[in-house]
Amino acid sequence: MLSLADVQAARDRIGDAAAHTPIQYSNTFSRFTKAEIYLKCEQFQRTGAFKIRGATNRIATLSDEQREAGVVTASAGNHAQGVALAATRAGVDAKIVMPENAPISKVKATEGYGASIVLHGSDYDEAQARAHAIEEEEDRFYLHAFDDEDVMAGQGTIGLEIVEDLPEVDTVVVPIGGGGLISGIATAVKGLDPDVRVVGVQAEGASTVADALNKGHPVAVDAVDTIADGIAVREVGSHTFEVIEERVDEVVTVSDREIAMAITNLLERSKLLAEGAGAAALAATLEGKFETTEGEVVVPLVCGGNIDPNVLTTVLMSGLIESGRYLRLRTVLKDQPGTLTELTRIVADQRANIYGIQHDRTARDIGMGSAEVEIDLETRGHEHVARLVDALEDRGYPVEILV
């Protein structure tokens, strides 16, 4: 099984190919949880995520014959970028198979790092099947995204940095997709300090580890569905599962709503941009998915920041709605001069800001002489929303909250 010595050897191989990323204390998140929250900011890593570590270590261990043949791999995006950059640096030809719905930003970035791209399938597993076919057709070396001990060891160098930079750490929180990241980190952390707790986090729509732990072996699911595309994997690896089973203390899940809120909080409170997988560990921490004590030193890993701008727009809107910062409502008023002005005056008196307004006197479900109005509003939280709705209803306006 993967050892601390393997991770330490990986750090020597990686050298300056991967940055030693910072750990940032968060007053805000510490206040929310009553624990001491330090963010391991791996989104500042080269390529915007941790994958460059494992890819660099694995390519460094290839034989001359394997290097000459080139590598092929499958990835939802971050592993693709890590392999592309690591291979280019080492002078190795790389071909990457990515799901057809992979974020455009990640596809373009992977091409920019020098790899050739094949788009295939609806998710990682279908892309992986195509990559294995290319492995056979072109006699390339298949560089697994997670179920490879050299890859796991490379990712584990994050764990070395956490314990060395923050010796007082009590708990490390790590997202889980295929398990390569948490396997490496748990090996490093437990090897340096067995008393440190390691908590794994999966998205509810791609939760495979809990069932695997119950059954004692990896279990595949038919499909995955989550905004956290970096951990949207149908089955944990066989090698990674062995390490998780032995060295990870607890595995919890978070919803897409909770992930979206964590992305929003990171951006607004810490000025840090994270993708879905990158925010999962913080989401679990903020939502109390595992028990913490006052003053406990907790390090959620922000493992990547490569979020597609279109996804970010959707996520931020979801976060604003969830926190009561954005409201869309529908009401009905008399279709006569001045009534719309009166409605907007009430909104203004309540200090809500109108983003947009739609007035329709032809809606089928209202009476003659009435008009239906939908308003998009900037609000300041759930209490503010409640006061606004009360003010409208007190003036006789029926209110239906749409989002």
Protein backbone atom coordinates (compact mmCIF):
# COMPACT_ATOMS: atom_id res chain seq x y z
CA MET A 1 0.00 0.00 0.00
CA LEU A 2 1.04 3.59 -0.62
CA SER A 3 3.46 4.84 2.05
CA LEU A 4 4.70 8.13 3.47
CA ALA A 5 8.07 7.40 1.83
CA ASP A 6 6.32 7.21 -1.57
CA VAL A 7 4.81 10.66 -1.04
CA GLN A 8 8.12 12.12 0.11
CA ALA A 9 9.86 10.66 -2.95
CA ALA A 10 7.14 12.20 -5.14
CA ARG A 11 7.89 15.63 -3.72
CA ASP A 12 11.53 15.26 -4.75
CA ARG A 13 10.50 14.27 -8.30
CA ILE A 14 7.99 17.05 -8.70
CA GLY A 15 10.44 19.75 -7.69
CA ASP A 16 9.37 23.17 -8.92
CA ALA A 17 6.81 21.82 -11.40
CA ALA A 18 4.14 22.33 -8.74
CA ALA A 19 3.85 25.34 -6.46
CA HIS A 20 3.83 25.09 -2.67
CA THR A 21 0.38 26.61 -2.18
CA PRO A 22 -0.57 28.81 0.80
CA ILE A 23 -2.78 28.12 3.79
CA GLN A 24 -5.10 31.04 4.53
CA TYR A 25 -6.87 31.63 7.86
CA SER A 26 -10.53 32.64 7.61
CA ASN A 27 -11.96 34.81 10.38
CA THR A 28 -15.40 34.61 8.77
CA PHE A 29 -15.61 30.83 8.46
CA SER A 30 -14.07 30.39 11.90
CA ARG A 31 -16.80 32.59 13.34
CA PHE A 32 -19.47 30.59 11.48
CA THR A 33 -18.24 27.24 12.84
CA LYS A 34 -16.52 28.19 16.13
CA ALA A 35 -13.57 26.11 14.89
CA GLU A 36 -10.31 27.56 13.58
CA ILE A 37 -10.67 27.34 9.78
CA TYR A 38 -7.62 27.44 7.53
CA LEU A 39 -8.12 27.08 3.76
CA LYS A 40 -5.49 25.14 1.81
CA CYS A 41 -5.57 27.19 -1.39
CA GLU A 42 -4.69 24.69 -4.10
CA GLN A 43 -6.69 26.72 -6.62
CA PHE A 44 -3.53 28.86 -6.82
CA GLN A 45 -1.66 25.83 -8.17
CA ARG A 46 -0.32 25.78 -11.72
CA THR A 47 -3.21 24.86 -14.05
CA GLY A 48 -5.60 26.00 -11.29
CA ALA A 49 -5.86 22.65 -9.51
CA PHE A 50 -3.88 19.95 -7.71
CA LYS A 51 -3.67 17.52 -10.62
CA ILE A 52 -0.28 18.77 -11.86
CA ARG A 53 1.28 17.09 -8.81
CA GLY A 54 0.20 13.53 -9.57
CA ALA A 55 0.64 13.87 -13.32
CA THR A 56 4.19 15.17 -12.95
CA ASN A 57 5.16 12.38 -10.56
CA ARG A 58 3.69 9.67 -12.79
CA ILE A 59 5.35 10.94 -15.96
CA ALA A 60 8.66 11.18 -14.10
CA THR A 61 8.47 7.44 -13.39
CA LEU A 62 7.73 6.34 -16.98
CA SER A 63 10.21 4.10 -18.72
CA ASP A 64 11.99 5.34 -21.85
CA GLU A 65 9.75 3.08 -23.95
CA GLN A 66 6.59 4.46 -22.37
CA ARG A 67 7.74 8.04 -22.84
CA GLU A 68 8.43 7.38 -26.50
CA ALA A 69 4.98 5.84 -27.04
CA GLY A 70 3.21 8.80 -25.46
CA VAL A 71 0.40 8.87 -22.92
CA VAL A 72 -3.38 8.88 -23.09
CA THR A 73 -5.82 9.62 -20.33
CA ALA A 74 -9.42 10.55 -19.57
CA SER A 75 -10.48 13.54 -17.54
CA ALA A 76 -13.35 15.89 -16.78
CA GLY A 77 -10.87 18.73 -17.01
CA ASN A 78 -8.33 19.23 -14.22
CA HIS A 79 -6.41 15.98 -14.69
CA ALA A 80 -6.39 16.78 -18.40
CA GLN A 81 -4.65 20.09 -17.77
CA GLY A 82 -2.21 18.55 -15.32
CA VAL A 83 -1.23 15.77 -17.72
CA ALA A 84 -1.02 18.17 -20.67
CA LEU A 85 1.37 20.51 -18.87
CA ALA A 86 3.42 17.75 -17.24
CA ALA A 87 3.77 15.89 -20.54
CA THR A 88 4.74 19.01 -22.44
CA ARG A 89 7.39 19.86 -19.84
CA ALA A 90 8.78 16.33 -20.13
CA GLY A 91 8.64 16.20 -23.93
CA VAL A 92 6.02 13.43 -23.95
CA ASP A 93 3.14 13.38 -26.43
CA ALA A 94 -0.27 13.42 -24.68
CA LYS A 95 -3.77 12.66 -25.93
CA ILE A 96 -6.68 13.49 -23.61
CA VAL A 97 -10.23 12.16 -23.85
CA MET A 98 -12.75 14.50 -22.20
CA PRO A 99 -16.55 14.17 -21.84
CA GLU A 100 -18.50 15.97 -24.53
CA ASN A 101 -20.04 18.25 -21.89
CA ALA A 102 -16.70 19.15 -20.29
CA PRO A 103 -16.48 22.89 -19.47
CA ILE A 104 -15.25 24.78 -22.52
CA SER A 105 -12.75 26.67 -20.38
CA LYS A 106 -11.10 23.39 -19.35
CA VAL A 107 -11.01 22.05 -22.91
CA LYS A 108 -9.38 25.22 -24.21
CA ALA A 109 -6.89 25.30 -21.35
CA THR A 110 -5.89 21.67 -21.97
CA GLU A 111 -5.28 22.39 -25.63
CA GLY A 112 -3.28 25.43 -24.62
CA TYR A 113 -0.96 23.27 -22.52
CA GLY A 114 -0.06 21.23 -25.59
CA ALA A 115 -2.22 18.09 -25.58
CA SER A 116 -4.50 16.83 -28.36
CA ILE A 117 -8.15 16.52 -27.32
CA VAL A 118 -10.79 13.88 -28.06
CA LEU A 119 -14.34 14.66 -26.88
CA HIS A 120 -16.32 11.50 -26.15
CA GLY A 121 -19.17 10.37 -23.90
CA SER A 122 -21.44 12.00 -21.37
CA ASP A 123 -19.22 11.62 -18.30
CA TYR A 124 -15.79 10.61 -17.08
CA ASP A 125 -16.44 6.88 -17.26
CA GLU A 126 -17.48 6.94 -20.91
CA ALA A 127 -14.47 9.11 -21.71
CA GLN A 128 -12.27 6.64 -19.85
CA ALA A 129 -13.59 3.74 -21.96
CA ARG A 130 -12.63 5.60 -25.13
CA ALA A 131 -9.20 6.42 -23.70
CA HIS A 132 -8.56 2.74 -23.03
CA ALA A 133 -9.52 1.98 -26.62
CA ILE A 134 -6.96 4.53 -27.82
CA GLU A 135 -4.43 2.94 -25.46
CA GLU A 136 -4.84 -0.33 -27.36
CA GLU A 137 -5.09 1.21 -30.83
CA GLU A 138 -2.02 3.44 -30.52
CA ASP A 139 -0.01 1.49 -27.94
CA ARG A 140 0.11 4.49 -25.61
CA PHE A 141 0.60 4.40 -21.85
CA TYR A 142 -2.67 4.98 -20.00
CA LEU A 143 -2.13 7.54 -17.24
CA HIS A 144 -4.96 7.00 -14.78
CA ALA A 145 -6.57 10.04 -13.20
CA PHE A 146 -6.58 8.57 -9.68
CA ASP A 147 -6.17 4.79 -9.35
CA ASP A 148 -2.40 4.75 -9.64
CA GLU A 149 0.02 4.82 -6.71
CA ASP A 150 2.40 7.29 -8.35
CA VAL A 151 -0.50 9.64 -9.06
CA MET A 152 -1.76 9.21 -5.51
CA ALA A 153 1.70 9.92 -4.13
CA GLY A 154 1.96 13.12 -6.15
CA GLN A 155 -1.37 14.38 -4.84
CA GLY A 156 -0.25 13.45 -1.34
CA THR A 157 2.40 16.16 -1.38
CA ILE A 158 -0.44 18.52 -0.41
CA GLY A 159 -0.70 16.62 2.87
CA LEU A 160 3.02 17.11 3.55
CA GLU A 161 2.60 20.86 3.06
CA ILE A 162 -0.43 21.06 5.36
CA VAL A 163 1.21 19.30 8.30
CA GLU A 164 4.54 21.05 7.86
CA ASP A 165 3.00 24.52 7.46
CA LEU A 166 0.35 24.03 10.19
CA PRO A 167 1.64 21.46 12.74
CA GLU A 168 -1.30 22.17 15.06
CA VAL A 169 -3.82 20.86 12.49
CA ASP A 170 -6.54 18.64 13.96
CA THR A 171 -8.71 17.83 10.92
CA VAL A 172 -8.12 17.86 7.17
CA VAL A 173 -11.19 17.87 4.89
CA VAL A 174 -10.75 16.56 1.34
CA PRO A 175 -13.16 16.09 -1.60
CA ILE A 176 -13.47 12.60 -3.08
CA GLY A 177 -14.11 11.67 -6.69
CA GLY A 178 -12.09 8.62 -7.65
CA GLY A 179 -10.11 8.87 -4.42
CA GLY A 180 -6.59 9.65 -5.60
CA LEU A 181 -6.40 12.99 -3.81
CA ILE A 182 -7.64 11.84 -0.44
CA SER A 183 -5.60 8.63 -0.60
CA GLY A 184 -2.39 10.56 -1.08
CA ILE A 185 -3.24 13.22 1.51
CA ALA A 186 -4.39 10.70 4.12
CA THR A 187 -1.18 8.72 3.63
CA ALA A 188 0.97 11.80 4.10
CA VAL A 189 -1.00 13.26 7.01
CA LYS A 190 -1.36 10.01 8.96
CA GLY A 191 2.27 9.18 8.27
CA LEU A 192 3.42 12.46 9.80
CA ASP A 193 0.81 12.65 12.57
CA PRO A 194 -1.54 9.68 13.12
CA ASP A 195 -3.78 11.77 15.40
CA VAL A 196 -4.92 14.11 12.63
CA ARG A 197 -8.46 13.31 11.48
CA VAL A 198 -9.08 13.00 7.73
CA VAL A 199 -12.65 13.62 6.51
CA GLY A 200 -13.71 12.86 2.94
CA VAL A 201 -16.50 14.73 1.12
CA GLN A 202 -18.56 13.58 -1.84
CA ALA A 203 -21.36 15.25 -3.76
CA GLU A 204 -24.76 13.68 -3.10
CA GLY A 205 -25.18 13.13 -6.82
CA ALA A 206 -21.92 11.15 -7.03
CA SER A 207 -21.81 9.39 -3.69
CA THR A 208 -20.03 6.06 -4.17
CA VAL A 209 -17.71 5.69 -1.19
CA ALA A 210 -20.25 5.23 1.62
CA ASP A 211 -21.82 2.26 -0.16
CA ALA A 212 -18.37 0.87 -1.00
CA LEU A 213 -17.30 1.07 2.65
CA ASN A 214 -20.48 -0.72 3.74
CA LYS A 215 -19.93 -3.52 1.21
CA GLY A 216 -16.15 -3.73 1.59
CA HIS A 217 -15.34 -3.14 -2.09
CA PRO A 218 -15.78 -0.45 -4.77
CA VAL A 219 -19.34 -0.13 -6.05
CA ALA A 220 -20.29 1.52 -9.35
CA VAL A 221 -23.39 3.68 -9.79
CA ASP A 222 -25.26 3.94 -13.07
CA ALA A 223 -24.94 7.72 -13.39
CA VAL A 224 -23.71 10.81 -11.56
CA ASP A 225 -25.36 14.22 -11.38
CA THR A 226 -23.65 17.15 -9.68
CA ILE A 227 -22.35 20.64 -10.41
CA ALA A 228 -19.01 19.43 -9.01
CA ASP A 229 -17.77 17.91 -12.28
CA GLY A 230 -14.29 17.32 -10.84
CA ILE A 231 -15.63 14.66 -8.44
CA ALA A 232 -18.39 13.30 -10.70
CA VAL A 233 -17.03 9.74 -10.85
CA ARG A 234 -19.18 6.60 -10.94
CA GLU A 235 -16.81 4.38 -8.96
CA VAL A 236 -13.95 4.91 -6.54
CA GLY A 237 -10.68 3.24 -7.58
CA SER A 238 -9.64 -0.16 -6.23
CA HIS A 239 -6.24 1.05 -5.01
CA THR A 240 -7.66 4.27 -3.62
CA PHE A 241 -10.46 2.41 -1.87
CA GLU A 242 -7.97 0.34 0.13
CA VAL A 243 -6.29 3.50 1.39
CA ILE A 244 -9.60 5.24 2.13
CA GLU A 245 -10.83 2.21 4.06
CA GLU A 246 -7.70 2.14 6.22
CA ARG A 247 -6.76 5.82 6.63
CA VAL A 248 -9.83 8.03 6.18
CA ASP A 249 -11.79 8.58 9.40
CA GLU A 250 -15.14 9.66 8.00
CA VAL A 251 -16.91 10.28 4.67
CA VAL A 252 -19.82 12.72 4.33
CA THR A 253 -21.89 14.12 1.46
CA VAL A 254 -23.03 17.61 0.44
CA SER A 255 -25.80 18.75 -1.89
CA ASP A 256 -25.33 20.89 -4.96
CA ARG A 257 -27.16 23.67 -3.12
CA GLU A 258 -24.60 23.50 -0.31
CA ILE A 259 -21.73 23.47 -2.80
CA ALA A 260 -23.17 26.52 -4.56
CA MET A 261 -23.41 28.37 -1.25
CA ALA A 262 -19.79 27.51 -0.46
CA ILE A 263 -18.65 28.83 -3.85
CA THR A 264 -20.57 32.05 -3.21
CA ASN A 265 -19.19 32.39 0.32
CA LEU A 266 -15.62 31.80 -0.83
CA LEU A 267 -15.93 34.43 -3.51
CA GLU A 268 -17.70 37.02 -1.38
CA ARG A 269 -16.04 36.45 1.99
CA SER A 270 -12.52 35.31 1.06
CA LYS A 271 -12.22 36.66 -2.49
CA LEU A 272 -11.32 33.14 -3.63
CA LEU A 273 -12.71 31.51 -6.77
CA ALA A 274 -13.42 27.78 -6.51
CA GLU A 275 -15.05 25.24 -8.78
CA GLY A 276 -17.67 22.83 -7.46
CA ALA A 277 -15.23 20.13 -6.38
CA GLY A 278 -12.99 22.81 -4.93
CA ALA A 279 -15.75 24.10 -2.65
CA ALA A 280 -17.10 20.72 -1.49
CA ALA A 281 -14.80 20.42 1.55
CA LEU A 282 -15.71 23.89 2.78
CA ALA A 283 -19.40 23.16 2.15
CA ALA A 284 -19.22 20.13 4.44
CA THR A 285 -17.41 22.19 7.07
CA LEU A 286 -19.87 25.09 7.03
CA GLU A 287 -22.93 22.83 6.95
CA GLY A 288 -21.75 20.84 9.98
CA LYS A 289 -21.60 17.54 8.13
CA PHE A 290 -19.00 16.30 10.61
CA GLU A 291 -18.59 17.16 14.25
CA THR A 292 -16.10 19.84 15.30
CA THR A 293 -15.24 21.32 18.67
CA GLU A 294 -14.64 24.94 19.57
CA GLY A 295 -11.10 25.94 18.69
CA GLU A 296 -10.41 22.81 16.61
CA VAL A 297 -7.99 23.53 13.77
CA VAL A 298 -9.71 22.44 10.56
CA VAL A 299 -8.22 22.63 7.06
CA PRO A 300 -10.73 22.29 4.20
CA LEU A 301 -8.91 21.80 0.91
CA VAL A 302 -9.91 24.18 -1.88
CA CYS A 303 -8.61 21.81 -4.53
CA GLY A 304 -9.34 23.75 -7.72
CA GLY A 305 -10.62 26.98 -9.22
CA ASN A 306 -11.31 26.04 -12.84
CA ILE A 307 -15.01 26.85 -13.01
CA ASP A 308 -16.68 27.60 -16.32
CA PRO A 309 -18.00 31.20 -16.41
CA ASN A 310 -21.47 30.02 -17.46
CA VAL A 311 -21.59 27.60 -14.54
CA LEU A 312 -20.30 30.30 -12.21
CA THR A 313 -23.14 32.62 -13.26
CA THR A 314 -25.71 29.93 -12.47
CA VAL A 315 -24.03 28.99 -9.19
CA LEU A 316 -23.80 32.58 -7.99
CA MET A 317 -27.44 33.21 -8.80
CA SER A 318 -28.37 30.05 -6.88
CA GLY A 319 -26.27 31.21 -3.96
CA LEU A 320 -27.90 34.65 -3.96
CA ILE A 321 -31.38 33.09 -4.02
CA GLU A 322 -30.48 30.69 -1.21
CA SER A 323 -29.18 33.52 0.97
CA GLY A 324 -32.16 35.79 0.30
CA ARG A 325 -30.13 38.22 -1.79
CA TYR A 326 -32.21 37.81 -4.96
CA LEU A 327 -35.98 37.54 -5.22
CA ARG A 328 -38.45 37.13 -8.04
CA LEU A 329 -42.11 37.58 -7.13
CA ARG A 330 -45.44 37.79 -8.90
CA THR A 331 -48.42 39.90 -7.87
CA VAL A 332 -51.66 41.26 -9.34
CA LEU A 333 -52.78 44.88 -9.36
CA LYS A 334 -55.60 46.93 -10.83
CA ASP A 335 -55.05 47.86 -14.47
CA GLN A 336 -55.35 51.60 -14.04
CA PRO A 337 -53.00 54.61 -13.99
CA GLY A 338 -50.78 54.94 -10.92
CA THR A 339 -51.05 51.41 -9.56
CA LEU A 340 -47.65 50.32 -10.86
CA THR A 341 -46.12 53.48 -9.41
CA GLU A 342 -47.67 52.67 -6.04
CA LEU A 343 -46.28 49.12 -6.17
CA THR A 344 -42.76 50.29 -6.96
CA ARG A 345 -42.99 52.93 -4.21
CA ILE A 346 -43.65 50.20 -1.64
CA VAL A 347 -40.64 48.29 -2.95
CA ALA A 348 -38.50 51.45 -2.74
CA ASP A 349 -39.72 52.21 0.81
CA GLN A 350 -38.52 48.75 1.82
CA ARG A 351 -35.09 49.52 0.32
CA ALA A 352 -35.21 46.72 -2.27
CA ASN A 353 -33.66 47.36 -5.66
CA ILE A 354 -35.53 46.44 -8.84
CA TYR A 355 -33.48 44.53 -11.42
CA GLY A 356 -36.34 44.03 -13.85
CA ILE A 357 -40.11 44.24 -14.10
CA GLN A 358 -42.67 42.65 -16.44
CA HIS A 359 -46.26 43.94 -16.68
CA ASP A 360 -48.90 41.76 -18.38
CA ARG A 361 -52.61 42.64 -18.63
CA THR A 362 -53.39 39.63 -20.86
CA ALA A 363 -52.50 36.78 -18.48
CA ARG A 364 -55.21 34.12 -18.58
CA ASP A 365 -55.42 33.44 -14.84
CA ILE A 366 -56.31 36.99 -13.77
CA GLY A 367 -59.60 38.85 -13.93
CA MET A 368 -60.63 41.59 -16.31
CA GLY A 369 -59.34 44.98 -15.25
CA SER A 370 -56.27 43.50 -13.58
CA ALA A 371 -52.62 43.14 -14.56
CA GLU A 372 -50.01 40.62 -13.54
CA VAL A 373 -46.58 41.91 -12.56
CA GLU A 374 -43.33 39.95 -12.10
CA ILE A 375 -40.46 41.76 -10.39
CA ASP A 376 -36.81 40.73 -10.04
CA LEU A 377 -35.33 42.28 -6.90
CA GLU A 378 -32.03 42.69 -5.13
CA THR A 379 -32.65 42.07 -1.42
CA ARG A 380 -30.46 41.90 1.68
CA GLY A 381 -31.38 38.55 3.24
CA HIS A 382 -34.33 36.41 4.32
CA GLU A 383 -35.51 38.88 6.99
CA HIS A 384 -35.53 41.67 4.43
CA VAL A 385 -37.53 39.48 2.02
CA ALA A 386 -40.07 38.72 4.76
CA ARG A 387 -40.51 42.43 5.57
CA LEU A 388 -40.98 43.27 1.89
CA VAL A 389 -43.59 40.54 1.38
CA ASP A 390 -45.44 41.62 4.53
CA ALA A 391 -45.48 45.24 3.34
CA LEU A 392 -46.94 44.26 -0.04
CA GLU A 393 -49.57 41.95 1.45
CA ASP A 394 -50.54 44.58 4.04
CA ARG A 395 -51.33 46.89 1.11
CA GLY A 396 -53.51 44.23 -0.50
CA TYR A 397 -51.11 42.77 -3.04
CA PRO A 398 -51.19 38.97 -3.29
CA VAL A 399 -47.58 37.75 -3.45
CA GLU A 400 -46.27 34.58 -5.05
CA ILE A 401 -42.53 34.00 -4.62
CA LEU A 402 -41.14 32.48 -7.83
CA VAL A 403 -37.45 32.13 -6.81
